[in-house]
């Protein structure tokens, strides 16, 4: 009985420690309140200090953030980043059965600031993978290039996370994006809360 109780407490604590600011839908990311933004309270901290703390957190977490940073001092920060092979997705590749693919992830995170508050706008993203088409003898068939994983399928590209009716097709892609981008936001927020407490 103690073992079951301990496991239940561990699962609950794990879920509570992970902030889920946004969830992916066929319209993009929305907050738990179905808004295109989420607000984090930072009590008793002035706007400029909140801004500086988030900027310092981003600078400490990313190896070269200046390339993808756009700032309006004291008011907003927009971070554009790229990660190679960030998201594994299993889906049909046109042949028999399903295959595992590694997608590169480009994303944008943006933050706005007021006294005691951080507004995070819904993340935007793009998923793509390099596709090399070769024959059995190793010669290139000339159809190599980037393949996109769209949010919603369209006439040009049926590889998508959702179908045209909003039904989830690739659950592991949606779960991977939810986990990855929420974890990034949580890292930035957590780091910004401890930046001056050393």
N, C-alpha and C. Protein backbone atom coordinates (compact mmCIF):
# COMPACT_ATOMS: atom_id res chain seq x y z
N UNK A 1 0.83 -1.19 0.00
CA UNK A 1 0.00 0.00 0.00
C UNK A 1 0.87 1.26 0.00
N UNK A 2 1.93 1.24 0.83
CA UNK A 2 2.83 2.40 0.89
C UNK A 2 3.48 2.65 -0.47
N UNK A 3 3.84 1.56 -1.15
CA UNK A 3 4.50 1.67 -2.45
C UNK A 3 3.58 2.34 -3.46
N UNK A 4 2.30 1.93 -3.50
CA UNK A 4 1.33 2.51 -4.43
C UNK A 4 1.13 3.98 -4.11
N UNK A 5 1.00 4.31 -2.82
CA UNK A 5 0.82 5.70 -2.42
C UNK A 5 2.02 6.55 -2.82
N UNK A 6 3.23 6.02 -2.59
CA UNK A 6 4.45 6.74 -2.96
C UNK A 6 4.52 7.00 -4.45
N UNK A 7 4.15 5.99 -5.25
CA UNK A 7 4.15 6.16 -6.71
C UNK A 7 3.14 7.22 -7.14
N UNK A 8 1.95 7.21 -6.52
CA UNK A 8 0.92 8.19 -6.86
C UNK A 8 1.39 9.60 -6.53
N UNK A 9 2.03 9.78 -5.39
CA UNK A 9 2.56 11.09 -5.00
C UNK A 9 3.64 11.54 -5.97
N UNK A 10 4.52 10.61 -6.37
CA UNK A 10 5.60 10.94 -7.31
C UNK A 10 5.04 11.39 -8.65
N UNK A 11 4.04 10.66 -9.17
CA UNK A 11 3.41 11.04 -10.44
C UNK A 11 2.76 12.41 -10.32
N UNK A 12 2.05 12.66 -9.23
CA UNK A 12 1.39 13.94 -9.03
C UNK A 12 2.40 15.09 -8.95
N UNK A 13 3.47 14.90 -8.21
CA UNK A 13 4.50 15.93 -8.10
C UNK A 13 5.18 16.20 -9.43
N UNK A 14 5.41 15.15 -10.22
CA UNK A 14 6.02 15.32 -11.53
C UNK A 14 5.11 16.15 -12.42
N UNK A 15 3.82 15.88 -12.41
CA UNK A 15 2.88 16.63 -13.23
C UNK A 15 2.77 18.08 -12.76
N UNK A 16 2.78 18.29 -11.45
CA UNK A 16 2.66 19.65 -10.93
C UNK A 16 3.91 20.47 -11.20
N UNK A 17 5.07 19.82 -11.29
CA UNK A 17 6.31 20.57 -11.49
C UNK A 17 6.49 21.00 -12.94
N UNK A 18 5.70 20.46 -13.86
CA UNK A 18 5.82 20.81 -15.27
C UNK A 18 4.71 21.76 -15.65
N UNK A 19 5.07 22.99 -15.96
CA UNK A 19 4.08 24.00 -16.34
C UNK A 19 3.67 23.79 -17.79
N UNK A 20 2.39 23.66 -18.01
CA UNK A 20 1.84 23.53 -19.35
C UNK A 20 1.18 24.85 -19.68
N UNK A 21 1.95 25.77 -20.27
CA UNK A 21 1.44 27.09 -20.60
C UNK A 21 0.52 27.05 -21.82
N UNK A 22 0.89 26.22 -22.81
CA UNK A 22 0.15 26.16 -24.06
C UNK A 22 -0.10 24.72 -24.47
N UNK A 23 -1.13 24.53 -25.28
CA UNK A 23 -1.40 23.22 -25.89
C UNK A 23 -1.62 23.44 -27.38
N UNK A 24 -1.17 22.47 -28.17
CA UNK A 24 -1.28 22.57 -29.62
C UNK A 24 -2.67 22.17 -30.08
N UNK A 25 -3.25 22.98 -30.96
CA UNK A 25 -4.52 22.66 -31.61
C UNK A 25 -4.32 22.81 -33.11
N UNK A 26 -5.34 22.53 -33.88
CA UNK A 26 -5.24 22.70 -35.33
C UNK A 26 -5.17 24.17 -35.74
N UNK A 27 -5.37 25.07 -34.80
CA UNK A 27 -5.24 26.52 -35.05
C UNK A 27 -3.89 27.06 -34.58
N UNK A 28 -3.06 26.21 -33.99
CA UNK A 28 -1.79 26.64 -33.41
C UNK A 28 -1.85 26.45 -31.90
N UNK A 29 -0.90 27.07 -31.22
CA UNK A 29 -0.86 26.95 -29.76
C UNK A 29 -1.86 27.90 -29.12
N UNK A 30 -2.57 27.40 -28.10
CA UNK A 30 -3.47 28.23 -27.30
C UNK A 30 -3.17 27.96 -25.83
N UNK A 31 -3.46 28.96 -24.99
CA UNK A 31 -3.25 28.80 -23.55
C UNK A 31 -4.35 27.91 -22.97
N UNK A 32 -4.22 27.59 -21.71
CA UNK A 32 -5.24 26.78 -21.03
C UNK A 32 -6.59 27.47 -21.01
N UNK A 33 -6.59 28.79 -21.16
CA UNK A 33 -7.83 29.56 -21.19
C UNK A 33 -8.28 29.82 -22.63
N UNK A 34 -7.64 29.15 -23.59
CA UNK A 34 -7.91 29.29 -25.03
C UNK A 34 -7.60 30.67 -25.58
N UNK A 35 -6.60 31.33 -25.03
CA UNK A 35 -6.11 32.61 -25.55
C UNK A 35 -4.85 32.36 -26.36
N UNK A 36 -4.42 33.38 -27.09
CA UNK A 36 -3.16 33.27 -27.84
C UNK A 36 -1.99 33.81 -27.01
N UNK A 37 -2.17 33.84 -25.71
CA UNK A 37 -1.11 34.26 -24.79
C UNK A 37 -1.36 33.64 -23.42
N UNK A 38 -0.30 33.60 -22.62
CA UNK A 38 -0.40 33.17 -21.22
C UNK A 38 0.34 34.21 -20.39
N UNK A 39 -0.14 34.45 -19.17
CA UNK A 39 0.46 35.45 -18.29
C UNK A 39 1.02 34.74 -17.06
N UNK A 40 2.26 35.10 -16.73
CA UNK A 40 2.91 34.58 -15.54
C UNK A 40 3.07 35.75 -14.57
N UNK A 41 2.62 35.56 -13.35
CA UNK A 41 2.73 36.59 -12.32
C UNK A 41 4.13 36.56 -11.70
N UNK A 42 4.71 37.74 -11.54
CA UNK A 42 6.01 37.90 -10.87
C UNK A 42 5.81 39.00 -9.83
N UNK A 43 5.24 38.67 -8.67
CA UNK A 43 4.85 39.69 -7.70
C UNK A 43 6.01 40.58 -7.25
N UNK A 44 5.70 41.85 -7.09
CA UNK A 44 6.61 42.85 -6.52
C UNK A 44 7.90 43.05 -7.32
N UNK A 45 7.86 42.83 -8.63
CA UNK A 45 9.03 43.05 -9.47
C UNK A 45 8.65 44.07 -10.54
N UNK A 46 9.45 45.13 -10.65
CA UNK A 46 9.19 46.20 -11.61
C UNK A 46 9.38 45.71 -13.05
N UNK A 47 8.69 46.34 -13.98
CA UNK A 47 8.71 45.96 -15.39
C UNK A 47 10.14 45.83 -15.93
N UNK A 48 11.00 46.82 -15.69
CA UNK A 48 12.36 46.77 -16.23
C UNK A 48 13.15 45.62 -15.64
N UNK A 49 12.93 45.30 -14.37
CA UNK A 49 13.63 44.17 -13.75
C UNK A 49 13.14 42.83 -14.30
N UNK A 50 11.83 42.72 -14.52
CA UNK A 50 11.28 41.50 -15.12
C UNK A 50 11.88 41.30 -16.51
N UNK A 51 11.92 42.36 -17.28
CA UNK A 51 12.51 42.32 -18.63
C UNK A 51 13.98 41.88 -18.58
N UNK A 52 14.76 42.52 -17.71
CA UNK A 52 16.19 42.18 -17.61
C UNK A 52 16.40 40.74 -17.17
N UNK A 53 15.58 40.27 -16.23
CA UNK A 53 15.71 38.90 -15.75
C UNK A 53 15.44 37.87 -16.85
N UNK A 54 14.40 38.11 -17.66
CA UNK A 54 14.10 37.20 -18.77
C UNK A 54 15.20 37.27 -19.83
N UNK A 55 15.68 38.47 -20.13
CA UNK A 55 16.76 38.62 -21.11
C UNK A 55 18.02 37.90 -20.63
N UNK A 56 18.37 38.06 -19.36
CA UNK A 56 19.53 37.37 -18.80
C UNK A 56 19.35 35.84 -18.82
N UNK A 57 18.13 35.39 -18.54
CA UNK A 57 17.84 33.95 -18.57
C UNK A 57 18.05 33.40 -19.98
N UNK A 58 17.54 34.10 -20.99
CA UNK A 58 17.71 33.66 -22.38
C UNK A 58 19.19 33.63 -22.75
N UNK A 59 19.92 34.68 -22.37
CA UNK A 59 21.35 34.74 -22.67
C UNK A 59 22.13 33.61 -22.00
N UNK A 60 21.69 33.16 -20.83
CA UNK A 60 22.41 32.08 -20.15
C UNK A 60 22.01 30.69 -20.66
N UNK A 61 20.82 30.56 -21.24
CA UNK A 61 20.35 29.26 -21.69
C UNK A 61 20.71 28.94 -23.14
N UNK A 62 20.90 29.95 -23.96
CA UNK A 62 21.19 29.75 -25.38
C UNK A 62 22.65 30.12 -25.66
N UNK A 63 23.28 29.36 -26.56
CA UNK A 63 24.71 29.57 -26.81
C UNK A 63 25.00 30.85 -27.57
N UNK A 64 24.14 31.27 -28.48
CA UNK A 64 24.36 32.51 -29.24
C UNK A 64 23.01 33.16 -29.53
N UNK A 65 22.31 33.63 -28.49
CA UNK A 65 20.96 34.13 -28.69
C UNK A 65 20.88 35.44 -29.47
N UNK A 66 21.95 36.21 -29.52
CA UNK A 66 21.90 37.51 -30.18
C UNK A 66 21.48 37.41 -31.64
N UNK A 67 21.82 36.29 -32.30
CA UNK A 67 21.45 36.09 -33.70
C UNK A 67 19.94 36.11 -33.88
N UNK A 68 19.22 35.56 -32.91
CA UNK A 68 17.78 35.44 -33.05
C UNK A 68 16.97 36.32 -32.12
N UNK A 69 17.63 37.31 -31.50
CA UNK A 69 16.92 38.16 -30.55
C UNK A 69 16.48 39.48 -31.18
N UNK A 70 15.27 39.85 -30.87
CA UNK A 70 14.76 41.17 -31.21
C UNK A 70 14.16 41.74 -29.92
N UNK A 71 14.66 42.90 -29.48
CA UNK A 71 14.20 43.45 -28.21
C UNK A 71 13.73 44.89 -28.37
N UNK A 72 12.76 45.26 -27.59
CA UNK A 72 12.36 46.64 -27.39
C UNK A 72 12.59 46.86 -25.90
N UNK A 73 13.66 47.56 -25.57
CA UNK A 73 14.16 47.61 -24.19
C UNK A 73 13.07 47.91 -23.17
N UNK A 74 12.99 47.01 -22.20
CA UNK A 74 12.04 47.15 -21.10
C UNK A 74 10.63 46.70 -21.43
N UNK A 75 10.33 46.45 -22.71
CA UNK A 75 8.95 46.15 -23.10
C UNK A 75 8.74 44.77 -23.70
N UNK A 76 9.62 44.33 -24.60
CA UNK A 76 9.39 43.05 -25.26
C UNK A 76 10.69 42.38 -25.68
N UNK A 77 10.62 41.06 -25.78
CA UNK A 77 11.72 40.23 -26.27
C UNK A 77 11.11 39.19 -27.20
N UNK A 78 11.69 39.04 -28.38
CA UNK A 78 11.30 37.97 -29.29
C UNK A 78 12.54 37.15 -29.60
N UNK A 79 12.44 35.85 -29.40
CA UNK A 79 13.54 34.93 -29.65
C UNK A 79 13.15 33.99 -30.77
N UNK A 80 13.98 33.96 -31.82
CA UNK A 80 13.80 33.02 -32.92
C UNK A 80 14.97 32.06 -32.87
N UNK A 81 14.68 30.75 -32.84
CA UNK A 81 15.74 29.75 -32.69
C UNK A 81 15.49 28.57 -33.63
N UNK A 82 16.55 27.79 -33.83
CA UNK A 82 16.52 26.63 -34.71
C UNK A 82 17.25 25.47 -34.04
N UNK A 83 16.63 24.29 -34.06
CA UNK A 83 17.25 23.10 -33.49
C UNK A 83 17.18 21.97 -34.52
N UNK A 84 18.34 21.40 -34.82
CA UNK A 84 18.38 20.27 -35.75
C UNK A 84 17.88 19.00 -35.06
N UNK A 85 17.11 18.24 -35.81
CA UNK A 85 16.62 16.93 -35.35
C UNK A 85 16.05 16.99 -33.93
N UNK A 86 15.22 17.97 -33.71
CA UNK A 86 14.67 18.20 -32.37
C UNK A 86 13.45 17.35 -32.07
N UNK A 87 12.74 16.91 -33.13
CA UNK A 87 11.47 16.24 -32.88
C UNK A 87 11.37 14.93 -33.68
N UNK A 88 11.39 13.79 -32.98
CA UNK A 88 11.17 12.51 -33.67
C UNK A 88 9.68 12.30 -33.90
N UNK A 89 9.32 11.91 -35.13
CA UNK A 89 7.92 11.68 -35.47
C UNK A 89 7.82 10.39 -36.28
N UNK A 90 6.88 9.56 -35.92
CA UNK A 90 6.66 8.30 -36.64
C UNK A 90 5.40 8.47 -37.51
N UNK A 91 5.58 8.25 -38.80
CA UNK A 91 4.43 8.31 -39.71
C UNK A 91 4.76 7.60 -41.01
N UNK A 92 3.73 7.43 -41.84
CA UNK A 92 3.91 6.79 -43.14
C UNK A 92 4.70 7.68 -44.06
N UNK A 93 5.59 7.09 -44.82
CA UNK A 93 6.43 7.86 -45.73
C UNK A 93 6.11 7.60 -47.18
N UNK A 94 4.94 7.11 -47.48
CA UNK A 94 4.57 6.83 -48.86
C UNK A 94 4.73 5.36 -49.21
N UNK A 95 5.49 4.62 -48.42
CA UNK A 95 5.66 3.19 -48.66
C UNK A 95 4.79 2.39 -47.70
N UNK A 96 5.16 1.15 -47.51
CA UNK A 96 4.42 0.30 -46.58
C UNK A 96 4.88 0.57 -45.16
N UNK A 97 3.92 0.64 -44.24
CA UNK A 97 4.26 0.81 -42.83
C UNK A 97 4.67 2.23 -42.48
N UNK A 98 5.07 2.39 -41.24
CA UNK A 98 5.46 3.70 -40.73
C UNK A 98 6.96 3.73 -40.49
N UNK A 99 7.53 4.91 -40.62
CA UNK A 99 8.96 5.10 -40.40
C UNK A 99 9.17 6.20 -39.37
N UNK A 100 10.35 6.20 -38.77
CA UNK A 100 10.73 7.26 -37.83
C UNK A 100 11.48 8.34 -38.59
N UNK A 101 11.08 9.59 -38.39
CA UNK A 101 11.72 10.73 -39.02
C UNK A 101 12.15 11.72 -37.95
N UNK A 102 13.26 12.40 -38.17
CA UNK A 102 13.75 13.43 -37.27
C UNK A 102 13.52 14.79 -37.93
N UNK A 103 12.71 15.63 -37.32
CA UNK A 103 12.39 16.94 -37.89
C UNK A 103 13.19 18.04 -37.20
N UNK A 104 13.70 18.96 -38.02
CA UNK A 104 14.32 20.18 -37.50
C UNK A 104 13.19 21.11 -37.07
N UNK A 105 13.44 21.86 -36.02
CA UNK A 105 12.41 22.74 -35.45
C UNK A 105 12.90 24.18 -35.44
N UNK A 106 12.16 25.05 -36.11
CA UNK A 106 12.36 26.50 -35.99
C UNK A 106 11.20 27.02 -35.16
N UNK A 107 11.47 27.91 -34.23
CA UNK A 107 10.38 28.41 -33.40
C UNK A 107 10.65 29.86 -32.99
N UNK A 108 9.57 30.53 -32.61
CA UNK A 108 9.63 31.89 -32.11
C UNK A 108 8.89 31.97 -30.79
N UNK A 109 9.57 32.50 -29.78
CA UNK A 109 8.98 32.75 -28.47
C UNK A 109 9.00 34.25 -28.24
N UNK A 110 7.89 34.82 -27.80
CA UNK A 110 7.88 36.26 -27.55
C UNK A 110 7.27 36.58 -26.19
N UNK A 111 7.87 37.59 -25.57
CA UNK A 111 7.51 37.98 -24.20
C UNK A 111 7.24 39.48 -24.16
N UNK A 112 6.21 39.87 -23.41
CA UNK A 112 5.90 41.27 -23.13
C UNK A 112 5.90 41.45 -21.62
N UNK A 113 6.17 42.67 -21.16
CA UNK A 113 6.38 42.88 -19.73
C UNK A 113 5.58 44.05 -19.18
N UNK A 114 5.10 43.87 -17.95
CA UNK A 114 4.49 44.92 -17.13
C UNK A 114 5.01 44.72 -15.71
N UNK A 115 4.74 45.65 -14.83
CA UNK A 115 5.10 45.45 -13.42
C UNK A 115 4.46 44.15 -12.93
N UNK A 116 5.28 43.23 -12.44
CA UNK A 116 4.77 42.00 -11.85
C UNK A 116 4.20 40.98 -12.81
N UNK A 117 4.39 41.16 -14.14
CA UNK A 117 3.78 40.23 -15.09
C UNK A 117 4.66 40.01 -16.31
N UNK A 118 4.61 38.76 -16.80
CA UNK A 118 5.23 38.40 -18.07
C UNK A 118 4.12 37.81 -18.94
N UNK A 119 3.94 38.39 -20.10
CA UNK A 119 3.00 37.83 -21.08
C UNK A 119 3.81 37.06 -22.11
N UNK A 120 3.47 35.80 -22.29
CA UNK A 120 4.10 34.98 -23.33
C UNK A 120 3.08 34.77 -24.43
N UNK A 121 3.41 35.20 -25.63
CA UNK A 121 2.51 34.96 -26.76
C UNK A 121 2.67 33.52 -27.23
N UNK A 122 1.64 33.00 -27.87
CA UNK A 122 1.68 31.62 -28.36
C UNK A 122 2.90 31.40 -29.23
N UNK A 123 3.64 30.33 -28.97
CA UNK A 123 4.81 30.04 -29.81
C UNK A 123 4.38 29.75 -31.25
N UNK A 124 5.22 30.12 -32.18
CA UNK A 124 5.04 29.72 -33.57
C UNK A 124 6.18 28.78 -33.92
N UNK A 125 5.97 27.93 -34.91
CA UNK A 125 6.99 26.92 -35.23
C UNK A 125 6.90 26.49 -36.68
N UNK A 126 7.97 25.84 -37.12
CA UNK A 126 8.02 25.20 -38.43
C UNK A 126 8.83 23.91 -38.26
N UNK A 127 8.32 22.82 -38.83
CA UNK A 127 9.01 21.53 -38.79
C UNK A 127 9.37 21.12 -40.20
N UNK A 128 10.63 20.67 -40.39
CA UNK A 128 11.05 20.21 -41.70
C UNK A 128 12.16 19.17 -41.54
N UNK A 129 12.30 18.35 -42.58
CA UNK A 129 13.37 17.35 -42.60
C UNK A 129 13.94 17.29 -44.00
N UNK A 130 15.22 16.93 -44.09
CA UNK A 130 15.87 16.78 -45.38
C UNK A 130 15.53 15.40 -45.92
N UNK A 131 15.13 15.37 -47.17
CA UNK A 131 14.72 14.13 -47.82
C UNK A 131 15.67 13.84 -48.97
N UNK A 132 16.33 12.69 -48.89
CA UNK A 132 17.29 12.28 -49.92
C UNK A 132 16.72 11.05 -50.63
N UNK A 133 16.37 11.22 -51.87
CA UNK A 133 15.78 10.10 -52.63
C UNK A 133 16.87 9.43 -53.46
N UNK A 134 17.14 8.16 -53.19
CA UNK A 134 18.14 7.42 -53.96
C UNK A 134 17.56 6.08 -54.39
N UNK A 135 18.14 5.53 -55.42
CA UNK A 135 17.72 4.21 -55.90
C UNK A 135 18.52 3.14 -55.17
N UNK A 136 18.23 1.90 -55.45
CA UNK A 136 18.93 0.79 -54.80
C UNK A 136 20.42 0.78 -55.12
N UNK A 137 20.79 1.25 -56.32
CA UNK A 137 22.21 1.25 -56.67
C UNK A 137 22.95 2.49 -56.17
N UNK A 138 22.24 3.36 -55.42
CA UNK A 138 22.88 4.52 -54.81
C UNK A 138 22.84 5.78 -55.63
N UNK A 139 22.30 5.74 -56.84
CA UNK A 139 22.25 6.97 -57.63
C UNK A 139 21.08 7.84 -57.17
N UNK A 140 21.27 9.14 -57.27
CA UNK A 140 20.27 10.10 -56.83
C UNK A 140 19.18 10.21 -57.88
N UNK A 141 17.93 10.15 -57.46
CA UNK A 141 16.80 10.27 -58.39
C UNK A 141 16.42 11.72 -58.64
N UNK A 142 17.08 12.64 -57.98
CA UNK A 142 16.81 14.05 -58.23
C UNK A 142 15.61 14.62 -57.51
N UNK A 143 15.07 13.92 -56.54
CA UNK A 143 13.90 14.44 -55.82
C UNK A 143 14.24 14.78 -54.38
N UNK A 144 15.49 15.08 -54.12
CA UNK A 144 15.90 15.43 -52.77
C UNK A 144 15.46 16.85 -52.45
N UNK A 145 15.30 17.12 -51.18
CA UNK A 145 14.92 18.46 -50.76
C UNK A 145 14.29 18.45 -49.38
N UNK A 146 13.81 19.60 -48.96
CA UNK A 146 13.17 19.73 -47.65
C UNK A 146 11.72 19.31 -47.74
N UNK A 147 11.29 18.55 -46.74
CA UNK A 147 9.90 18.14 -46.60
C UNK A 147 9.38 18.77 -45.32
N UNK A 148 8.24 19.44 -45.46
CA UNK A 148 7.63 20.12 -44.32
C UNK A 148 6.64 19.19 -43.62
N UNK A 149 6.52 19.37 -42.33
CA UNK A 149 5.45 18.74 -41.57
C UNK A 149 4.50 19.87 -41.19
N UNK A 150 3.40 19.96 -41.92
CA UNK A 150 2.45 21.06 -41.73
C UNK A 150 1.62 20.85 -40.46
N UNK A 151 1.08 21.95 -39.97
CA UNK A 151 0.15 21.85 -38.85
C UNK A 151 -1.14 21.18 -39.33
N UNK A 152 -1.68 21.64 -40.46
CA UNK A 152 -2.91 21.09 -41.03
C UNK A 152 -2.63 20.67 -42.45
N UNK A 153 -3.13 19.49 -42.84
CA UNK A 153 -2.88 19.00 -44.19
C UNK A 153 -3.54 19.92 -45.22
N UNK A 154 -2.91 20.00 -46.38
CA UNK A 154 -3.46 20.75 -47.49
C UNK A 154 -3.33 19.92 -48.76
N UNK A 155 -3.72 20.49 -49.90
CA UNK A 155 -3.71 19.75 -51.16
C UNK A 155 -2.30 19.41 -51.62
N UNK A 156 -1.33 20.27 -51.32
CA UNK A 156 0.05 20.05 -51.75
C UNK A 156 0.77 19.04 -50.88
N UNK A 157 0.45 19.01 -49.59
CA UNK A 157 1.22 18.19 -48.66
C UNK A 157 0.27 17.54 -47.65
N UNK A 158 0.16 16.23 -47.74
CA UNK A 158 -0.75 15.54 -46.82
C UNK A 158 -0.08 15.14 -45.51
N UNK A 159 1.24 15.35 -45.39
CA UNK A 159 1.91 15.05 -44.13
C UNK A 159 1.67 16.21 -43.18
N UNK A 160 0.85 15.96 -42.18
CA UNK A 160 0.45 17.03 -41.27
C UNK A 160 0.10 16.45 -39.91
N UNK A 161 0.04 17.34 -38.94
CA UNK A 161 -0.30 16.95 -37.57
C UNK A 161 -1.81 16.77 -37.42
N UNK A 162 -2.58 17.63 -38.09
CA UNK A 162 -4.04 17.57 -38.06
C UNK A 162 -4.58 17.44 -39.48
N UNK A 163 -5.76 16.80 -39.62
CA UNK A 163 -6.39 16.77 -40.94
C UNK A 163 -7.20 18.06 -41.12
N UNK A 164 -7.83 18.20 -42.26
CA UNK A 164 -8.56 19.45 -42.56
C UNK A 164 -9.79 19.66 -41.69
N UNK A 165 -10.24 18.62 -41.02
CA UNK A 165 -11.39 18.73 -40.11
C UNK A 165 -10.98 18.96 -38.66
N UNK A 166 -9.68 19.12 -38.42
CA UNK A 166 -9.20 19.37 -37.07
C UNK A 166 -8.93 18.11 -36.26
N UNK A 167 -8.97 16.95 -36.92
CA UNK A 167 -8.69 15.68 -36.21
C UNK A 167 -7.18 15.47 -36.13
N UNK A 168 -6.71 15.09 -34.95
CA UNK A 168 -5.29 14.84 -34.72
C UNK A 168 -4.87 13.58 -35.47
N UNK A 169 -3.85 13.71 -36.33
CA UNK A 169 -3.33 12.58 -37.10
C UNK A 169 -2.05 12.05 -36.46
N UNK A 170 -1.12 12.95 -36.14
CA UNK A 170 0.18 12.57 -35.61
C UNK A 170 0.29 12.98 -34.15
N UNK A 171 -0.17 12.10 -33.28
CA UNK A 171 -0.21 12.39 -31.85
C UNK A 171 1.18 12.62 -31.27
N UNK A 172 2.17 11.83 -31.72
CA UNK A 172 3.51 12.00 -31.16
C UNK A 172 4.12 13.34 -31.56
N UNK A 173 3.75 13.89 -32.73
CA UNK A 173 4.23 15.22 -33.13
C UNK A 173 3.62 16.29 -32.22
N UNK A 174 2.31 16.19 -31.98
CA UNK A 174 1.64 17.16 -31.11
C UNK A 174 2.20 17.07 -29.69
N UNK A 175 2.35 15.85 -29.18
CA UNK A 175 2.89 15.68 -27.82
C UNK A 175 4.32 16.18 -27.73
N UNK A 176 5.12 15.90 -28.75
CA UNK A 176 6.51 16.35 -28.76
C UNK A 176 6.62 17.86 -28.77
N UNK A 177 5.79 18.52 -29.58
CA UNK A 177 5.81 19.99 -29.61
C UNK A 177 5.33 20.58 -28.29
N UNK A 178 4.24 20.02 -27.74
CA UNK A 178 3.75 20.49 -26.45
C UNK A 178 4.84 20.39 -25.38
N UNK A 179 5.47 19.25 -25.29
CA UNK A 179 6.49 19.03 -24.28
C UNK A 179 7.70 19.93 -24.50
N UNK A 180 8.19 19.96 -25.72
CA UNK A 180 9.42 20.69 -26.03
C UNK A 180 9.28 22.20 -25.80
N UNK A 181 8.25 22.80 -26.37
CA UNK A 181 8.12 24.26 -26.27
C UNK A 181 7.68 24.71 -24.88
N UNK A 182 6.83 23.94 -24.21
CA UNK A 182 6.47 24.29 -22.83
C UNK A 182 7.68 24.16 -21.90
N UNK A 183 8.52 23.15 -22.14
CA UNK A 183 9.73 22.98 -21.33
C UNK A 183 10.69 24.16 -21.53
N UNK A 184 10.83 24.63 -22.77
CA UNK A 184 11.68 25.80 -23.04
C UNK A 184 11.16 27.03 -22.30
N UNK A 185 9.86 27.27 -22.39
CA UNK A 185 9.27 28.42 -21.70
C UNK A 185 9.46 28.30 -20.19
N UNK A 186 9.25 27.10 -19.67
CA UNK A 186 9.42 26.89 -18.23
C UNK A 186 10.86 27.15 -17.80
N UNK A 187 11.82 26.68 -18.60
CA UNK A 187 13.24 26.93 -18.29
C UNK A 187 13.53 28.42 -18.23
N UNK A 188 13.03 29.17 -19.19
CA UNK A 188 13.27 30.61 -19.23
C UNK A 188 12.64 31.29 -18.02
N UNK A 189 11.39 30.95 -17.73
CA UNK A 189 10.68 31.58 -16.59
C UNK A 189 11.37 31.20 -15.27
N UNK A 190 11.68 29.91 -15.09
CA UNK A 190 12.33 29.48 -13.85
C UNK A 190 13.68 30.17 -13.67
N UNK A 191 14.46 30.23 -14.74
CA UNK A 191 15.78 30.85 -14.67
C UNK A 191 15.65 32.35 -14.38
N UNK A 192 14.65 32.99 -14.98
CA UNK A 192 14.47 34.43 -14.75
C UNK A 192 14.07 34.73 -13.30
N UNK A 193 13.41 33.79 -12.65
CA UNK A 193 13.01 33.98 -11.25
C UNK A 193 14.18 33.85 -10.28
N UNK A 194 15.27 33.22 -10.71
CA UNK A 194 16.41 33.01 -9.82
C UNK A 194 17.62 33.82 -10.23
N UNK A 195 17.49 34.66 -11.25
CA UNK A 195 18.64 35.34 -11.83
C UNK A 195 19.34 36.27 -10.82
N UNK A 196 18.59 36.90 -9.93
CA UNK A 196 19.18 37.83 -8.96
C UNK A 196 19.30 37.23 -7.57
N UNK A 197 19.05 35.94 -7.45
CA UNK A 197 19.08 35.31 -6.12
C UNK A 197 20.31 34.44 -5.93
N UNK A 198 21.46 34.92 -6.32
CA UNK A 198 22.69 34.13 -6.18
C UNK A 198 23.46 34.65 -5.01
